[in-house]
N, C-alpha and C. Protein backbone atom coordinates (compact mmCIF):
# COMPACT_ATOMS: atom_id res chain seq x y z
N UNK A 1 1.52 0.65 -23.02
CA UNK A 1 0.76 0.44 -21.34
C UNK A 1 1.86 -0.35 -20.88
N UNK A 2 1.92 -0.08 -19.37
CA UNK A 2 2.56 -0.19 -18.32
C UNK A 2 2.34 -1.68 -17.55
N UNK A 3 3.28 -2.41 -17.99
CA UNK A 3 3.35 -3.93 -17.05
C UNK A 3 1.84 -4.61 -17.14
N UNK A 4 1.42 -4.53 -18.15
CA UNK A 4 0.18 -5.82 -18.57
C UNK A 4 0.33 -7.06 -19.20
N UNK A 5 -0.02 -7.96 -18.13
CA UNK A 5 0.12 -9.36 -18.63
C UNK A 5 0.21 -9.81 -20.15
N UNK A 6 0.57 -10.46 -20.70
CA UNK A 6 0.60 -10.44 -22.54
C UNK A 6 -1.06 -11.11 -22.53
N UNK A 7 -2.31 -10.84 -23.71
CA UNK A 7 -2.86 -11.31 -23.27
C UNK A 7 -2.83 -12.68 -23.82
N UNK A 8 -1.90 -13.08 -24.82
CA UNK A 8 -1.79 -14.58 -25.94
C UNK A 8 -1.45 -15.46 -24.45
N UNK A 9 -0.73 -14.73 -23.25
CA UNK A 9 -0.16 -15.67 -22.36
C UNK A 9 -0.98 -15.98 -21.51
N UNK A 10 -1.92 -15.09 -21.02
CA UNK A 10 -3.54 -15.01 -20.55
C UNK A 10 -3.86 -16.40 -21.10
N UNK A 11 -4.89 -16.06 -22.33
CA UNK A 11 -5.36 -17.26 -22.89
C UNK A 11 -4.86 -18.63 -22.84
N UNK A 12 -3.55 -18.51 -23.12
CA UNK A 12 -3.06 -20.23 -22.97
C UNK A 12 -3.09 -20.60 -21.56
N UNK A 13 -2.92 -19.83 -20.38
CA UNK A 13 -2.87 -20.79 -19.50
C UNK A 13 -3.91 -20.05 -17.90
N UNK A 14 -4.57 -18.88 -18.15
CA UNK A 14 -5.61 -18.66 -17.59
C UNK A 14 -7.06 -18.30 -17.59
N UNK A 15 -7.27 -18.69 -19.36
CA UNK A 15 -8.47 -18.20 -19.40
C UNK A 15 -9.46 -19.44 -19.90
N UNK A 16 -10.76 -19.21 -19.54
CA UNK A 16 -11.43 -20.66 -19.79
C UNK A 16 -12.42 -20.70 -20.52
N UNK A 17 -13.09 -20.69 -21.29
CA UNK A 17 -14.47 -20.66 -22.32
C UNK A 17 -15.64 -21.37 -21.46
N UNK A 18 -16.30 -20.43 -21.63
CA UNK A 18 -17.70 -20.76 -20.87
C UNK A 18 -19.00 -20.82 -20.99
N UNK A 19 -20.30 -21.26 -21.17
CA UNK A 19 -21.03 -20.84 -21.53
C UNK A 19 -21.61 -19.37 -21.09
N UNK A 20 -22.26 -18.39 -21.47
CA UNK A 20 -22.48 -17.17 -20.34
C UNK A 20 -23.89 -17.42 -20.10
N UNK A 21 -23.80 -16.74 -18.81
CA UNK A 21 -24.43 -16.98 -17.65
C UNK A 21 -25.25 -15.91 -17.05
N UNK A 22 -26.22 -15.67 -17.41
CA UNK A 22 -26.77 -14.23 -17.40
C UNK A 22 -26.92 -13.83 -16.12
N UNK A 23 -27.51 -14.95 -15.14
CA UNK A 23 -27.86 -14.93 -13.97
C UNK A 23 -26.57 -14.56 -12.97
N UNK A 24 -25.35 -15.35 -13.01
CA UNK A 24 -24.27 -14.93 -12.98
C UNK A 24 -23.94 -13.74 -12.49
N UNK A 25 -23.94 -13.09 -14.02
CA UNK A 25 -23.35 -11.48 -14.37
C UNK A 25 -24.46 -10.83 -13.47
N UNK A 26 -26.18 -11.08 -13.36
CA UNK A 26 -26.88 -10.49 -12.79
C UNK A 26 -26.38 -10.16 -11.14
N UNK A 27 -26.16 -11.50 -10.61
CA UNK A 27 -25.48 -11.84 -9.07
C UNK A 27 -24.31 -10.29 -9.17
N UNK A 28 -23.23 -10.90 -9.84
CA UNK A 28 -22.36 -10.43 -9.60
C UNK A 28 -22.46 -8.47 -9.65
N UNK A 29 -23.42 -7.92 -10.50
CA UNK A 29 -23.33 -6.56 -10.34
C UNK A 29 -24.30 -6.29 -9.21
N UNK A 30 -25.57 -7.21 -8.64
CA UNK A 30 -26.06 -6.94 -7.40
C UNK A 30 -25.11 -6.75 -6.28
N UNK A 31 -24.02 -7.65 -6.10
CA UNK A 31 -22.68 -7.29 -5.34
C UNK A 31 -22.10 -6.06 -5.40
N UNK A 32 -21.57 -6.00 -6.96
CA UNK A 32 -20.81 -4.88 -6.97
C UNK A 32 -21.19 -3.59 -5.97
N UNK A 33 -22.91 -3.17 -6.64
CA UNK A 33 -24.03 -2.43 -6.38
C UNK A 33 -23.82 -1.86 -4.69
N UNK A 34 -23.88 -3.80 -3.73
CA UNK A 34 -23.93 -2.79 -2.65
C UNK A 34 -22.44 -2.76 -2.01
N UNK A 35 -21.52 -3.21 -2.62
CA UNK A 35 -20.74 -3.24 -2.22
C UNK A 35 -20.24 -1.37 -2.42
N UNK A 36 -20.24 -0.86 -3.16
CA UNK A 36 -20.52 1.03 -3.79
C UNK A 36 -21.10 1.85 -2.70
N UNK A 37 -22.06 0.65 -2.35
CA UNK A 37 -23.33 1.40 -1.28
C UNK A 37 -21.99 1.79 0.14
N UNK A 38 -22.06 0.46 0.73
CA UNK A 38 -21.22 0.87 1.48
C UNK A 38 -19.79 1.26 1.34
N UNK A 39 -19.12 1.18 0.23
CA UNK A 39 -18.15 2.08 0.69
C UNK A 39 -18.28 3.65 0.77
N UNK A 40 -19.53 4.27 -0.77
CA UNK A 40 -20.07 5.77 -0.76
C UNK A 40 -20.73 5.98 1.10
N UNK A 41 -20.40 5.22 1.46
CA UNK A 41 -21.35 5.32 3.15
C UNK A 41 -20.27 5.83 3.98
N UNK A 42 -19.05 5.79 3.77
CA UNK A 42 -17.57 5.21 4.72
C UNK A 42 -17.55 7.07 4.60
N UNK A 43 -17.07 8.13 5.66
CA UNK A 43 -16.52 8.81 5.56
C UNK A 43 -15.00 8.50 5.47
N UNK A 44 -14.23 9.53 4.29
CA UNK A 44 -12.57 8.87 4.17
C UNK A 44 -11.99 9.46 4.58
N UNK A 45 -11.00 8.99 5.32
CA UNK A 45 -10.15 9.44 6.24
C UNK A 45 -8.38 9.00 6.02
N UNK A 46 -7.19 10.00 6.58
CA UNK A 46 -5.91 8.80 6.02
C UNK A 46 -5.92 7.43 6.55
N UNK A 47 -6.74 7.27 7.94
CA UNK A 47 -6.77 5.92 8.31
C UNK A 47 -7.43 4.83 7.36
N UNK A 48 -8.56 5.16 6.78
CA UNK A 48 -9.35 4.60 5.96
C UNK A 48 -8.85 4.13 4.67
N UNK A 49 -8.13 5.39 3.74
CA UNK A 49 -8.20 5.32 2.94
C UNK A 49 -7.64 4.61 1.77
N UNK A 50 -7.10 3.59 2.40
CA UNK A 50 -6.24 2.31 1.75
C UNK A 50 -7.28 1.28 1.20
N UNK A 51 -8.73 1.04 2.35
CA UNK A 51 -9.01 0.40 2.59
C UNK A 51 -10.34 1.16 1.51
N UNK A 52 -10.51 2.17 1.26
CA UNK A 52 -11.93 2.86 0.53
C UNK A 52 -11.12 2.59 -1.02
N UNK A 53 -10.01 2.67 -0.88
CA UNK A 53 -9.37 2.23 -2.79
C UNK A 53 -9.39 1.13 -2.93
N UNK A 54 -9.23 0.10 -2.17
CA UNK A 54 -9.03 -1.22 -2.31
C UNK A 54 -10.34 -1.80 -2.68
N UNK A 55 -11.69 -1.04 -1.93
CA UNK A 55 -12.90 -1.59 -2.43
C UNK A 55 -13.47 -1.42 -3.58
N UNK A 56 -12.65 0.46 -3.77
CA UNK A 56 -13.26 0.55 -5.44
C UNK A 56 -12.60 -0.49 -6.27
N UNK A 57 -11.05 -0.85 -5.96
CA UNK A 57 -10.42 -1.71 -7.02
C UNK A 57 -11.67 -3.04 -7.28
N UNK A 58 -11.88 -3.79 -5.64
CA UNK A 58 -12.69 -4.82 -5.99
C UNK A 58 -13.90 -5.03 -6.73
N UNK A 59 -14.27 -3.23 -6.98
CA UNK A 59 -15.69 -3.06 -7.57
C UNK A 59 -15.21 -3.37 -8.66
N UNK A 60 -14.18 -2.86 -9.51
CA UNK A 60 -13.97 -2.83 -11.11
C UNK A 60 -13.49 -3.95 -10.94
N UNK A 61 -12.71 -4.56 -10.40
CA UNK A 61 -12.18 -5.75 -10.46
C UNK A 61 -13.37 -7.04 -10.75
N UNK A 62 -14.34 -7.18 -9.98
CA UNK A 62 -15.75 -7.59 -9.79
C UNK A 62 -16.32 -7.15 -11.82
N UNK A 63 -16.53 -6.24 -11.85
CA UNK A 63 -16.85 -6.05 -12.83
C UNK A 63 -16.21 -6.53 -14.53
N UNK A 64 -14.78 -6.56 -14.17
CA UNK A 64 -14.17 -6.61 -15.45
C UNK A 64 -14.56 -8.42 -14.98
N UNK A 65 -14.83 -9.04 -14.10
CA UNK A 65 -14.98 -10.58 -13.97
C UNK A 65 -16.63 -10.65 -15.08
N UNK A 66 -17.11 -9.96 -14.70
CA UNK A 66 -18.77 -10.02 -15.22
C UNK A 66 -18.40 -9.66 -16.64
N UNK A 67 -17.66 -8.97 -17.20
CA UNK A 67 -17.66 -8.54 -18.57
C UNK A 67 -16.74 -9.55 -19.47
N UNK A 68 -16.00 -10.05 -18.85
CA UNK A 68 -15.18 -11.46 -19.40
C UNK A 68 -16.40 -12.81 -19.61
N UNK A 69 -17.53 -12.83 -18.05
CA UNK A 69 -18.53 -13.21 -18.12
C UNK A 69 -19.49 -13.38 -19.21
N UNK A 70 -19.41 -12.06 -19.83
CA UNK A 70 -20.63 -11.84 -20.73
C UNK A 70 -20.53 -12.16 -22.22
N UNK A 71 -19.00 -12.26 -22.27
CA UNK A 71 -18.82 -12.61 -23.38
C UNK A 71 -17.77 -14.10 -23.21
N UNK A 72 -18.68 -15.07 -22.62
CA UNK A 72 -17.98 -16.29 -22.32
C UNK A 72 -16.83 -16.95 -22.26
N UNK A 73 -16.21 -15.91 -21.10
CA UNK A 73 -14.62 -16.48 -20.92
C UNK A 73 -14.62 -16.30 -19.31
N UNK A 74 -13.71 -16.61 -18.46
CA UNK A 74 -13.91 -17.16 -17.00
C UNK A 74 -12.03 -17.03 -17.29
N UNK A 75 -11.34 -15.99 -16.08
CA UNK A 75 -9.79 -15.82 -15.64
C UNK A 75 -9.55 -16.09 -14.56
N UNK A 76 -8.61 -16.75 -14.68
CA UNK A 76 -8.07 -17.16 -12.72
C UNK A 76 -6.74 -16.29 -12.64
N UNK A 77 -7.00 -15.51 -12.83
CA UNK A 77 -5.89 -14.47 -12.92
C UNK A 77 -6.61 -13.08 -13.13
N UNK A 78 -5.97 -12.27 -11.77
CA UNK A 78 -6.84 -10.65 -11.88
C UNK A 78 -6.27 -9.91 -13.25
N UNK A 79 -4.91 -10.45 -13.43
CA UNK A 79 -4.11 -9.49 -13.98
C UNK A 79 -4.48 -9.92 -15.44
N UNK A 80 -5.09 -10.92 -15.52
CA UNK A 80 -5.40 -11.26 -16.88
C UNK A 80 -6.86 -10.27 -17.18
N UNK A 81 -7.58 -9.91 -16.12
CA UNK A 81 -9.17 -9.46 -16.11
C UNK A 81 -8.72 -7.90 -17.32
N UNK A 82 -7.51 -7.33 -16.48
CA UNK A 82 -6.95 -5.84 -16.82
C UNK A 82 -6.46 -5.70 -18.19
N UNK A 83 -5.85 -7.10 -18.88
CA UNK A 83 -5.29 -7.40 -20.18
C UNK A 83 -6.40 -7.61 -21.18
N UNK A 84 -7.26 -8.00 -20.59
CA UNK A 84 -8.89 -8.36 -21.91
C UNK A 84 -9.09 -7.19 -21.71
N UNK A 85 -9.83 -6.69 -21.00
CA UNK A 85 -10.14 -5.33 -20.85
C UNK A 85 -9.57 -4.27 -22.02
N UNK A 86 -8.19 -3.83 -22.05
CA UNK A 86 -6.96 -3.43 -23.09
C UNK A 86 -7.14 -3.94 -24.44
N UNK A 87 -6.73 -5.06 -24.71
CA UNK A 87 -7.09 -5.72 -25.72
C UNK A 87 -8.24 -5.56 -26.47
N UNK A 88 -9.80 -5.52 -25.29
CA UNK A 88 -10.83 -5.75 -26.76
C UNK A 88 -11.16 -4.18 -26.27
N UNK A 89 -10.42 -3.04 -25.57
CA UNK A 89 -11.58 -1.53 -25.67
C UNK A 89 -9.73 -0.75 -25.29
N UNK A 90 -9.25 -0.91 -25.95
CA UNK A 90 -8.13 -0.18 -25.82
C UNK A 90 -8.51 1.33 -25.93
N UNK A 91 -9.03 1.60 -26.64
CA UNK A 91 -9.86 3.03 -26.43
C UNK A 91 -9.86 3.66 -25.15
N UNK A 92 -9.97 3.12 -24.16
CA UNK A 92 -9.98 3.38 -22.39
C UNK A 92 -8.71 2.94 -21.91
N UNK A 93 -7.35 3.16 -22.91
CA UNK A 93 -6.18 3.55 -22.28
C UNK A 93 -5.65 3.83 -21.06
N UNK A 94 -6.26 5.34 -21.32
CA UNK A 94 -6.25 6.17 -20.26
C UNK A 94 -6.72 4.99 -18.60
N UNK A 95 -8.07 4.84 -18.54
CA UNK A 95 -8.60 4.22 -17.67
C UNK A 95 -7.98 3.02 -17.11
N UNK A 96 -7.59 2.16 -18.33
CA UNK A 96 -7.48 0.63 -17.73
C UNK A 96 -5.70 1.18 -16.98
N UNK A 97 -4.79 1.80 -17.64
CA UNK A 97 -3.84 2.22 -16.63
C UNK A 97 -3.83 2.77 -15.10
N UNK A 98 -4.96 3.49 -15.01
CA UNK A 98 -5.33 3.38 -13.61
C UNK A 98 -5.66 2.18 -12.65
N UNK A 99 -6.69 1.71 -13.43
CA UNK A 99 -6.71 0.27 -12.93
C UNK A 99 -5.94 -0.53 -12.48
N UNK A 100 -4.67 -0.55 -13.27
CA UNK A 100 -3.48 -1.22 -13.19
C UNK A 100 -2.60 -0.47 -12.09
N UNK A 101 -2.84 0.41 -11.91
CA UNK A 101 -2.36 1.16 -10.94
C UNK A 101 -2.97 1.11 -9.67
N UNK A 102 -4.19 0.56 -9.32
CA UNK A 102 -4.87 0.49 -8.75
C UNK A 102 -4.72 -0.83 -8.01
N UNK A 103 -4.45 -1.52 -8.92
CA UNK A 103 -4.24 -3.36 -8.86
C UNK A 103 -2.56 -3.50 -8.29
N UNK A 104 -1.79 -2.32 -8.68
CA UNK A 104 -0.55 -2.69 -8.16
C UNK A 104 -0.55 -1.95 -6.70
N UNK A 105 -1.27 -0.59 -6.45
CA UNK A 105 -1.41 -0.47 -4.43
C UNK A 105 -1.58 -1.39 -4.13
N UNK A 106 -2.91 -2.16 -4.34
CA UNK A 106 -3.77 -2.95 -3.94
C UNK A 106 -3.01 -4.32 -2.66
N UNK A 107 -1.83 -4.79 -4.28
CA UNK A 107 -1.39 -5.77 -3.92
C UNK A 107 -0.10 -5.44 -2.84
N UNK A 108 -0.02 -4.05 -2.99
CA UNK A 108 0.59 -3.34 -1.68
C UNK A 108 0.33 -3.66 -0.47
N UNK A 109 -0.31 -3.10 -0.39
CA UNK A 109 -1.44 -2.77 1.02
C UNK A 109 -1.61 -4.30 1.23
N UNK A 110 -2.31 -5.17 0.53
CA UNK A 110 -2.35 -6.60 0.98
C UNK A 110 -0.86 -7.42 1.64
N UNK A 111 0.30 -7.30 0.50
CA UNK A 111 1.31 -8.22 0.92
C UNK A 111 2.39 -7.65 1.86
N UNK A 112 2.28 -5.77 1.85
CA UNK A 112 3.87 -5.73 2.40
C UNK A 112 2.99 -4.69 3.23
N UNK A 113 1.80 -4.03 3.30
CA UNK A 113 1.35 -3.70 4.12
C UNK A 113 1.55 -2.10 3.99
N UNK A 114 1.49 -1.66 2.68
CA UNK A 114 1.86 -0.29 2.81
C UNK A 114 0.38 0.47 2.63
N UNK A 115 0.39 1.57 2.68
CA UNK A 115 -0.55 2.35 2.68
C UNK A 115 -1.02 3.17 1.33
N UNK A 116 -2.40 3.35 0.82
CA UNK A 116 -2.29 4.32 -0.14
C UNK A 116 -2.26 5.84 0.68
N UNK A 117 -2.04 6.61 -0.01
CA UNK A 117 -2.31 8.33 -0.12
C UNK A 117 -3.35 8.44 -0.33
N UNK A 118 -4.08 8.95 0.84
CA UNK A 118 -5.03 10.26 0.38
C UNK A 118 -5.43 10.87 -0.60
N UNK A 119 -4.42 11.37 -1.04
CA UNK A 119 -4.20 12.68 -2.25
C UNK A 119 -4.18 11.25 -3.67
N UNK A 120 -4.22 9.81 -3.72
CA UNK A 120 -4.65 9.23 -4.70
C UNK A 120 -5.57 9.01 -4.90
N UNK A 121 -7.05 9.31 -3.48
CA UNK A 121 -8.44 8.76 -3.63
C UNK A 121 -8.88 10.22 -3.77
N UNK A 122 -7.88 11.29 -3.98
CA UNK A 122 -8.76 12.38 -3.87
C UNK A 122 -8.39 12.48 -5.38
N UNK A 123 -7.84 12.44 -5.90
CA UNK A 123 -7.39 13.05 -7.81
C UNK A 123 -7.69 12.13 -8.59
N UNK A 124 -8.33 10.78 -8.13
CA UNK A 124 -8.76 9.64 -8.75
C UNK A 124 -10.19 9.26 -8.65
N UNK A 125 -11.02 9.65 -7.39
CA UNK A 125 -11.89 9.29 -7.23
C UNK A 125 -13.28 9.62 -8.36
N UNK A 126 -13.14 10.22 -8.78
CA UNK A 126 -14.29 10.78 -10.35
C UNK A 126 -13.38 9.83 -11.15
N UNK A 127 -12.53 9.44 -11.27
CA UNK A 127 -11.87 8.59 -12.66
C UNK A 127 -12.68 7.01 -11.86
N UNK A 128 -12.38 6.89 -10.62
CA UNK A 128 -12.96 5.05 -10.43
C UNK A 128 -14.77 5.19 -10.83
N UNK A 129 -15.10 6.54 -10.18
CA UNK A 129 -16.51 6.70 -10.68
C UNK A 129 -17.00 6.13 -12.36
N UNK A 130 -16.07 7.18 -12.86
CA UNK A 130 -16.09 7.03 -14.44
C UNK A 130 -15.90 5.53 -15.06
N UNK A 131 -14.88 4.82 -14.35
CA UNK A 131 -14.08 3.62 -15.02
C UNK A 131 -15.98 2.52 -14.36
N UNK A 132 -16.20 2.77 -13.06
CA UNK A 132 -17.43 1.86 -12.91
C UNK A 132 -18.54 2.02 -13.71
N UNK A 133 -18.89 3.03 -14.18
CA UNK A 133 -20.22 3.67 -15.26
C UNK A 133 -19.62 2.89 -16.29
N UNK A 134 -17.82 3.69 -17.08
CA UNK A 134 -18.15 2.37 -18.58
C UNK A 134 -18.07 1.39 -18.27
N UNK A 135 -17.69 0.23 -17.74
CA UNK A 135 -17.82 -0.85 -17.28
C UNK A 135 -19.27 -1.60 -17.06
N UNK A 136 -20.24 -1.26 -15.91
CA UNK A 136 -21.54 -0.99 -16.21
C UNK A 136 -21.96 -1.23 -17.24
N UNK A 137 -21.88 -0.26 -18.40
CA UNK A 137 -22.19 0.20 -20.01
C UNK A 137 -21.81 -0.67 -20.47
N UNK A 138 -21.02 -1.18 -20.76
CA UNK A 138 -20.26 -3.08 -21.34
C UNK A 138 -20.92 -3.62 -21.50
N UNK A 139 -21.26 -4.20 -20.15
CA UNK A 139 -21.94 -5.67 -19.95
C UNK A 139 -23.45 -4.88 -20.32
N UNK A 140 -24.37 -4.06 -19.83
CA UNK A 140 -25.25 -4.20 -19.97
C UNK A 140 -25.52 -4.59 -21.89
N UNK A 141 -24.67 -3.66 -22.13
CA UNK A 141 -24.60 -3.60 -24.35
C UNK A 141 -24.37 -5.37 -24.37
N UNK A 142 -23.66 -6.14 -24.17
CA UNK A 142 -23.57 -7.58 -24.14
C UNK A 142 -24.51 -8.20 -23.66
N UNK A 143 -24.94 -8.00 -22.47
CA UNK A 143 -26.60 -8.66 -22.14
C UNK A 143 -28.25 -8.22 -22.61
N UNK A 144 -28.11 -7.62 -23.50
CA UNK A 144 -29.12 -7.04 -24.07
C UNK A 144 -29.93 -8.38 -24.34
């Protein structure tokens, strides 16, 4: 797996145990759904594709936050969210690799002003949707 932060390092430095808060998890899912509704209402083009991909990354990141919360954990580091997902759900390695790539592209956009190519979006849009469904299902299973 490329460039994932070591989970043990994350646990030691960025992860905190807490009580599971089902209301907070529910609130995060509602926010995710609103964000998705907005993203999907926008017609994608070369000028806005970077922000659309960034929006999908934010949705996935928020779902990873909810997944950790479902397991009584909170992370102060976004990379540790991805590491947690890999550590506990390695069967989704291909999806995790895409999330990691999205994180990298989002950081390049935010910190260096580098645009995301529309081809990346077109190639991966169905995968974004698949990852979102996977994460929602995992969260739902944890919060029955």
